[in-house]
Amino acid sequence: MSTKSDQKISEGLSHLRLAEKYLKTSLFKWKPDQDSAAAEYLKAATAFKNAKALEQAKESFIKVGELQKAMNSPFHAAKAYEQAGLLCKENKHFDEAVHWMELAALMFQEHGTPDTAALCLDKAAKMVEQEKPEKAIYLYSKACEVAEIESRPRQCAEYIGKAARLQVKCFKHEEAIKSLQQEIKFWLEAENYPYIKKVAMGIILLHLTQEDYVAADQFFRNCLGYPEFGASEEAGALEDLLRAYDDGDEEAGQQVLAKPIFKYLDNMFARLARDLKFPGGITSSRSAATTSTYSQQEDWEENNKDREEDEDKNEFIKGEDDEEEPSEDLC
């Protein structure tokens, strides 16, 4: 007796044969029936997906996308290409996954739904954050550009902020500063002032990491004009840090950096604070030990965070696989 998986594969192959039949022309049938063929390919894709035949499911979704694109239906083409990309991700074919996700985003844009296009690029970027961070930076930046079309400053800030933090991770500090300045601009447009303080701390830490006190001080003075910044705890801590750095007072600087307001920044910024060197300063053995302990804690927290994100992504894919029927929106 056939297993359920075998039955689903047989069902998928049957739909493929029907799809190919609809695409054939003859003396009395001059045009292929693309609409019916697309519907059969979609049924085949669903059957293969439920049978865990991911490669065959992917190829069937691509066929759906090609036919929908030929019928001038970019939205349905985009949905099919997106499904192909997600299946490639499940097979750990990340380069191919990004290709189909980018094509899906382009189709969503053609349909006039840039918000959905940006979300698609965001998903693609998350796929390659660990293995290909530079590609992820490009995708997050592109998502920001697409979201800006619809004047969505909050989404723009989130996307460019993700790109900036990866730039810090890749030691592209100048590019990170530019991206973070863009993030501040978008948060200002969204009137989300608390986020501006945290981003400003990151920019100043980057300037000091590059041993550019003048740029850090100038940027800090500019920030004093932002709403809610001047009297904030962040402004006071940054002022103390800049004073200690300018004086070459490492002991005072380390006391400032030991404050929770620095320790609980985003991981990338917290690392900058942890590793910051003061001009002419010598770290005491006690301070070095504290820094080492904090370094280990930060590394553990970041790795734990990455594992949690991976688990969330796996749950999302599992949810996709459990669907018995595709969305009616595809055809």
Protein backbone atom coordinates (compact mmCIF):
# COMPACT_ATOMS: atom_id res chain seq x y z
CA MET A 1 0.00 0.00 0.00
CA SER A 2 1.35 3.43 -0.98
CA THR A 3 2.36 5.86 1.69
CA LYS A 4 0.74 9.27 1.94
CA SER A 5 3.92 10.83 0.58
CA ASP A 6 3.89 8.57 -2.47
CA GLN A 7 0.24 9.38 -3.06
CA LYS A 8 0.95 13.11 -2.95
CA ILE A 9 3.85 12.76 -5.38
CA SER A 10 1.65 10.75 -7.74
CA GLU A 11 -1.01 13.45 -7.43
CA GLY A 12 1.55 16.12 -8.23
CA LEU A 13 2.78 14.28 -11.32
CA SER A 14 -0.80 13.94 -12.51
CA HIS A 15 -1.30 17.70 -12.23
CA LEU A 16 1.96 18.29 -14.12
CA ARG A 17 0.70 16.16 -17.02
CA LEU A 18 -2.54 18.13 -17.10
CA ALA A 19 -0.64 21.42 -17.05
CA GLU A 20 1.52 20.34 -19.99
CA LYS A 21 -1.61 19.27 -21.86
CA TYR A 22 -3.18 22.71 -21.38
CA LEU A 23 -0.05 24.34 -22.82
CA LYS A 24 -0.08 22.30 -26.02
CA THR A 25 -1.44 23.77 -29.23
CA SER A 26 -3.01 21.99 -32.19
CA LEU A 27 -4.77 22.63 -35.46
CA PHE A 28 -7.97 23.51 -33.61
CA LYS A 29 -6.29 25.05 -30.55
CA TRP A 30 -4.05 27.91 -31.57
CA LYS A 31 -3.31 29.33 -28.13
CA PRO A 32 -2.18 27.56 -24.97
CA ASP A 33 -4.53 27.71 -22.00
CA GLN A 34 -2.11 29.43 -19.64
CA ASP A 35 -4.67 30.09 -16.93
CA SER A 36 -5.65 26.43 -16.59
CA ALA A 37 -2.01 25.36 -16.82
CA ALA A 38 -1.06 27.74 -14.00
CA ALA A 39 -3.84 26.31 -11.84
CA GLU A 40 -2.56 22.77 -12.43
CA TYR A 41 1.05 23.71 -11.72
CA LEU A 42 -0.12 25.29 -8.47
CA LYS A 43 -1.94 22.11 -7.48
CA ALA A 44 1.18 20.13 -8.35
CA ALA A 45 3.35 22.45 -6.26
CA THR A 46 1.07 22.02 -3.26
CA ALA A 47 1.04 18.24 -3.59
CA PHE A 48 4.84 18.06 -3.88
CA LYS A 49 5.25 20.41 -0.94
CA ASN A 50 3.03 18.28 1.27
CA ALA A 51 5.07 15.23 0.20
CA LYS A 52 8.28 17.07 1.18
CA ALA A 53 9.44 16.82 -2.45
CA LEU A 54 10.81 20.34 -2.17
CA GLU A 55 12.77 20.47 -5.43
CA GLN A 56 9.73 19.43 -7.49
CA ALA A 57 7.54 21.84 -5.53
CA LYS A 58 9.98 24.67 -6.21
CA GLU A 59 10.05 23.96 -9.96
CA SER A 60 6.25 23.89 -10.06
CA PHE A 61 5.98 27.24 -8.25
CA ILE A 62 8.47 28.72 -10.72
CA LYS A 63 6.24 27.51 -13.58
CA VAL A 64 3.28 29.21 -11.90
CA GLY A 65 5.28 32.42 -11.64
CA GLU A 66 6.34 32.34 -15.28
CA LEU A 67 2.79 31.77 -16.50
CA GLN A 68 1.30 34.46 -14.25
CA LYS A 69 3.97 36.87 -15.43
CA ALA A 70 3.15 36.02 -19.06
CA MET A 71 -0.53 36.68 -18.33
CA ASN A 72 0.39 40.12 -16.92
CA SER A 73 -0.50 39.16 -13.35
CA PRO A 74 2.54 40.37 -11.39
CA PHE A 75 0.97 39.90 -7.94
CA HIS A 76 0.25 36.20 -8.46
CA ALA A 77 3.65 35.77 -10.10
CA ALA A 78 5.26 37.38 -7.05
CA LYS A 79 3.45 35.05 -4.64
CA ALA A 80 4.64 32.03 -6.61
CA TYR A 81 8.25 33.23 -6.81
CA GLU A 82 8.19 33.96 -3.09
CA GLN A 83 7.10 30.39 -2.38
CA ALA A 84 9.93 29.12 -4.59
CA GLY A 85 12.38 31.23 -2.61
CA LEU A 86 11.13 29.93 0.73
CA LEU A 87 11.49 26.35 -0.48
CA CYS A 88 15.07 27.05 -1.59
CA LYS A 89 15.75 28.41 1.87
CA GLU A 90 14.42 25.22 3.44
CA ASN A 91 16.82 23.26 1.22
CA LYS A 92 19.60 25.66 2.32
CA HIS A 93 20.11 26.88 -1.24
CA PHE A 94 20.44 30.47 -0.05
CA ASP A 95 21.79 32.07 -3.24
CA GLU A 96 18.92 30.70 -5.28
CA ALA A 97 16.47 31.61 -2.52
CA VAL A 98 17.59 35.24 -2.64
CA HIS A 99 17.26 35.25 -6.45
CA TRP A 100 13.60 34.25 -6.35
CA MET A 101 12.83 36.54 -3.41
CA GLU A 102 14.32 39.50 -5.29
CA LEU A 103 12.27 38.62 -8.36
CA ALA A 104 9.17 38.36 -6.17
CA ALA A 105 9.89 41.81 -4.74
CA LEU A 106 10.21 43.22 -8.26
CA MET A 107 6.84 41.72 -9.21
CA PHE A 108 5.22 43.15 -6.07
CA GLN A 109 6.57 46.57 -7.04
CA GLU A 110 5.15 46.22 -10.55
CA HIS A 111 1.80 45.37 -9.01
CA GLY A 112 1.97 48.56 -6.95
CA THR A 113 2.50 47.04 -3.51
CA PRO A 114 5.94 48.33 -2.42
CA ASP A 115 5.22 47.52 1.24
CA THR A 116 4.96 43.83 0.38
CA ALA A 117 8.04 44.11 -1.84
CA ALA A 118 10.03 45.55 1.06
CA LEU A 119 8.89 42.74 3.37
CA CYS A 120 10.01 40.22 0.76
CA LEU A 121 13.47 41.80 0.60
CA ASP A 122 13.58 41.80 4.41
CA LYS A 123 12.91 38.05 4.44
CA ALA A 124 15.63 37.51 1.84
CA ALA A 125 18.13 39.51 3.88
CA LYS A 126 17.44 37.46 7.00
CA MET A 127 18.21 34.29 5.03
CA VAL A 128 21.81 35.34 4.35
CA GLU A 129 22.67 37.48 7.39
CA GLN A 130 25.03 34.90 8.86
CA GLU A 131 26.73 33.49 5.77
CA LYS A 132 26.68 36.51 3.44
CA PRO A 133 26.28 39.67 5.52
CA GLU A 134 27.30 41.98 2.67
CA LYS A 135 24.45 40.64 0.53
CA ALA A 136 22.11 41.11 3.48
CA ILE A 137 23.29 44.72 3.81
CA TYR A 138 22.38 45.32 0.16
CA LEU A 139 18.95 43.73 0.58
CA TYR A 140 18.11 45.69 3.74
CA SER A 141 19.21 48.92 2.04
CA LYS A 142 17.06 48.06 -0.98
CA ALA A 143 14.10 47.34 1.31
CA CYS A 144 14.58 50.78 2.83
CA GLU A 145 14.52 52.41 -0.61
CA VAL A 146 11.36 50.54 -1.57
CA ALA A 147 9.59 51.43 1.70
CA GLU A 148 10.53 55.07 1.19
CA ILE A 149 8.40 55.12 -1.97
CA GLU A 150 5.33 54.78 0.24
CA SER A 151 6.62 57.30 2.79
CA ARG A 152 6.94 54.72 5.57
CA PRO A 153 9.64 56.27 7.79
CA ARG A 154 9.30 53.70 10.57
CA GLN A 155 9.86 50.77 8.22
CA CYS A 156 12.68 52.66 6.50
CA ALA A 157 14.39 53.22 9.84
CA GLU A 158 14.10 49.55 10.77
CA TYR A 159 15.53 48.33 7.46
CA ILE A 160 18.44 50.77 7.24
CA GLY A 161 19.14 50.15 10.93
CA LYS A 162 19.53 46.43 10.25
CA ALA A 163 21.92 47.24 7.41
CA ALA A 164 23.92 49.56 9.67
CA ARG A 165 24.39 46.98 12.39
CA LEU A 166 25.66 44.46 9.86
CA GLN A 167 28.04 47.10 8.53
CA VAL A 168 29.41 47.49 12.05
CA LYS A 169 29.80 43.72 12.26
CA CYS A 170 31.74 43.78 8.97
CA PHE A 171 33.93 46.67 10.24
CA LYS A 172 32.53 49.02 7.58
CA HIS A 173 32.42 51.86 10.08
CA GLU A 174 32.17 54.81 7.68
CA GLU A 175 29.27 53.18 5.84
CA ALA A 176 27.64 52.30 9.15
CA ILE A 177 27.79 55.93 10.29
CA LYS A 178 26.06 57.07 7.09
CA SER A 179 23.37 54.41 7.46
CA LEU A 180 22.79 55.29 11.12
CA GLN A 181 22.45 58.96 10.20
CA GLN A 182 19.77 57.93 7.73
CA GLU A 183 18.10 55.92 10.48
CA ILE A 184 17.97 59.02 12.69
CA LYS A 185 16.42 61.00 9.84
CA PHE A 186 13.65 58.43 9.47
CA TRP A 187 13.01 58.26 13.24
CA LEU A 188 12.70 62.04 13.25
CA GLU A 189 10.09 61.81 10.50
CA ALA A 190 8.27 59.13 12.48
CA GLU A 191 8.58 61.26 15.66
CA ASN A 192 10.00 58.27 17.51
CA TYR A 193 12.50 60.15 19.63
CA PRO A 194 13.61 57.44 22.11
CA TYR A 195 15.18 55.44 19.27
CA ILE A 196 17.20 58.46 18.17
CA LYS A 197 19.08 58.51 21.48
CA LYS A 198 20.24 54.91 21.10
CA VAL A 199 21.31 55.40 17.49
CA ALA A 200 23.18 58.57 18.44
CA MET A 201 25.11 56.59 21.05
CA GLY A 202 26.09 54.11 18.35
CA ILE A 203 27.35 56.83 16.01
CA ILE A 204 29.46 58.47 18.72
CA LEU A 205 30.95 55.11 19.70
CA LEU A 206 31.83 54.52 16.04
CA HIS A 207 33.56 57.91 15.77
CA LEU A 208 35.55 57.23 18.93
CA THR A 209 36.43 53.73 17.73
CA GLN A 210 37.95 55.45 14.70
CA GLU A 211 39.79 57.80 17.08
CA ASP A 212 37.90 60.78 15.65
CA TYR A 213 37.02 62.79 18.75
CA VAL A 214 36.30 65.95 16.75
CA ALA A 215 33.61 64.22 14.65
CA ALA A 216 32.13 62.60 17.77
CA ASP A 217 31.96 65.90 19.63
CA GLN A 218 30.50 67.75 16.65
CA PHE A 219 27.85 65.09 16.16
CA PHE A 220 26.97 65.20 19.87
CA ARG A 221 26.47 68.96 19.71
CA ASN A 222 24.18 68.54 16.71
CA CYS A 223 22.16 65.94 18.61
CA LEU A 224 21.41 68.45 21.36
CA GLY A 225 18.92 70.01 18.97
CA TYR A 226 16.85 66.82 18.69
CA PRO A 227 13.60 66.67 20.71
CA GLU A 228 13.98 65.07 24.16
CA PHE A 229 17.72 64.54 23.70
CA GLY A 230 19.42 67.36 25.59
CA ALA A 231 18.06 66.51 29.06
CA SER A 232 18.16 62.74 28.57
CA GLU A 233 20.23 60.18 30.48
CA GLU A 234 21.89 59.24 27.19
CA ALA A 235 23.08 62.80 26.60
CA GLY A 236 24.57 63.00 30.09
CA ALA A 237 26.40 59.69 29.68
CA LEU A 238 27.74 60.68 26.26
CA GLU A 239 28.95 64.02 27.59
CA ASP A 240 30.83 62.24 30.39
CA LEU A 241 32.31 59.76 27.91
CA LEU A 242 33.49 62.48 25.54
CA ARG A 243 35.07 64.41 28.41
CA ALA A 244 36.92 61.33 29.63
CA TYR A 245 38.08 60.50 26.11
CA ASP A 246 39.30 64.04 25.48
CA ASP A 247 41.16 64.04 28.81
CA GLY A 248 42.64 60.59 28.15
CA ASP A 249 41.15 59.49 31.47
CA GLU A 250 40.58 55.79 30.92
CA GLU A 251 39.45 55.10 34.47
CA ALA A 252 36.67 57.68 34.24
CA GLY A 253 35.79 56.47 30.74
CA GLN A 254 35.48 52.86 31.83
CA GLN A 255 33.23 53.90 34.71
CA VAL A 256 30.94 55.59 32.20
CA LEU A 257 30.98 52.60 29.84
CA ALA A 258 30.14 50.28 32.75
CA LYS A 259 26.77 51.98 33.15
CA PRO A 260 23.71 49.89 32.15
CA ILE A 261 22.81 52.45 29.50
CA PHE A 262 25.86 51.31 27.52
CA LYS A 263 25.80 47.63 28.47
CA TYR A 264 22.25 47.15 27.25
CA LEU A 265 22.65 48.75 23.85
CA ASP A 266 22.25 46.62 20.72
CA ASN A 267 24.90 43.90 20.63
CA MET A 268 26.97 45.62 17.95
CA PHE A 269 27.03 48.93 19.85
CA ALA A 270 27.67 47.24 23.19
CA ARG A 271 30.72 45.57 21.68
CA LEU A 272 32.03 48.92 20.48
CA ALA A 273 31.67 50.27 24.02
CA ARG A 274 33.34 47.20 25.47
CA ASP A 275 36.35 47.42 23.15
CA LEU A 276 36.77 51.21 23.10
CA LYS A 277 40.36 52.38 23.63
CA PHE A 278 41.21 55.69 25.26
CA PRO A 279 44.15 57.77 24.01
CA GLY A 280 47.14 57.13 26.25
CA GLY A 281 45.05 54.99 28.61
CA ILE A 282 46.21 51.74 30.18
CA THR A 283 43.58 49.27 31.33
CA SER A 284 44.10 47.98 34.87
CA SER A 285 44.03 44.21 35.48
CA ARG A 286 40.72 44.51 37.34
CA SER A 287 39.20 46.53 34.53
CA ALA A 288 40.51 44.06 31.97
CA ALA A 289 38.99 41.16 33.89
CA THR A 290 35.65 42.94 34.05
CA THR A 291 35.80 43.64 30.33
CA SER A 292 36.65 40.00 29.57
CA THR A 293 33.72 38.74 31.65
CA TYR A 294 31.37 41.17 29.97
CA SER A 295 32.74 40.12 26.55
CA GLN A 296 31.88 36.49 27.25
CA GLN A 297 28.40 37.48 28.44
CA GLU A 298 27.80 39.55 25.29
CA ASP A 299 28.94 36.72 23.02
CA TRP A 300 26.62 34.29 24.83
CA GLU A 301 23.67 36.68 24.57
CA GLU A 302 24.23 37.26 20.87
CA ASN A 303 24.57 33.54 20.09
CA ASN A 304 21.46 32.82 22.16
CA LYS A 305 19.59 35.54 20.30
CA ASP A 306 20.65 34.04 16.95
CA ARG A 307 19.42 30.59 18.05
CA GLU A 308 16.05 32.03 19.07
CA GLU A 309 15.70 33.77 15.70
CA ASP A 310 16.56 30.52 13.89
CA GLU A 311 13.90 28.67 15.92
CA ASP A 312 11.32 31.33 15.01
CA LYS A 313 12.23 31.00 11.33
CA ASN A 314 11.95 27.20 11.48
CA GLU A 315 8.51 27.47 13.07
CA PHE A 316 7.46 29.78 10.22
CA ILE A 317 8.63 27.30 7.57
CA LYS A 318 6.93 24.44 9.42
CA GLY A 319 3.69 26.40 9.39
CA GLU A 320 4.05 26.89 5.65
CA ASP A 321 4.57 23.15 5.10
CA ASP A 322 1.47 22.19 7.09
CA GLU A 323 -0.86 23.99 4.72
CA GLU A 324 -2.86 21.50 2.64
CA GLU A 325 -4.13 23.98 0.07
CA PRO A 326 -2.52 27.11 -1.42
CA SER A 327 -3.93 30.58 -1.03
CA GLU A 328 -6.70 31.42 -3.48
CA ASP A 329 -4.79 34.63 -4.27
CA LEU A 330 -2.18 32.70 -6.27
CA CYS A 331 -4.50 31.97 -9.19
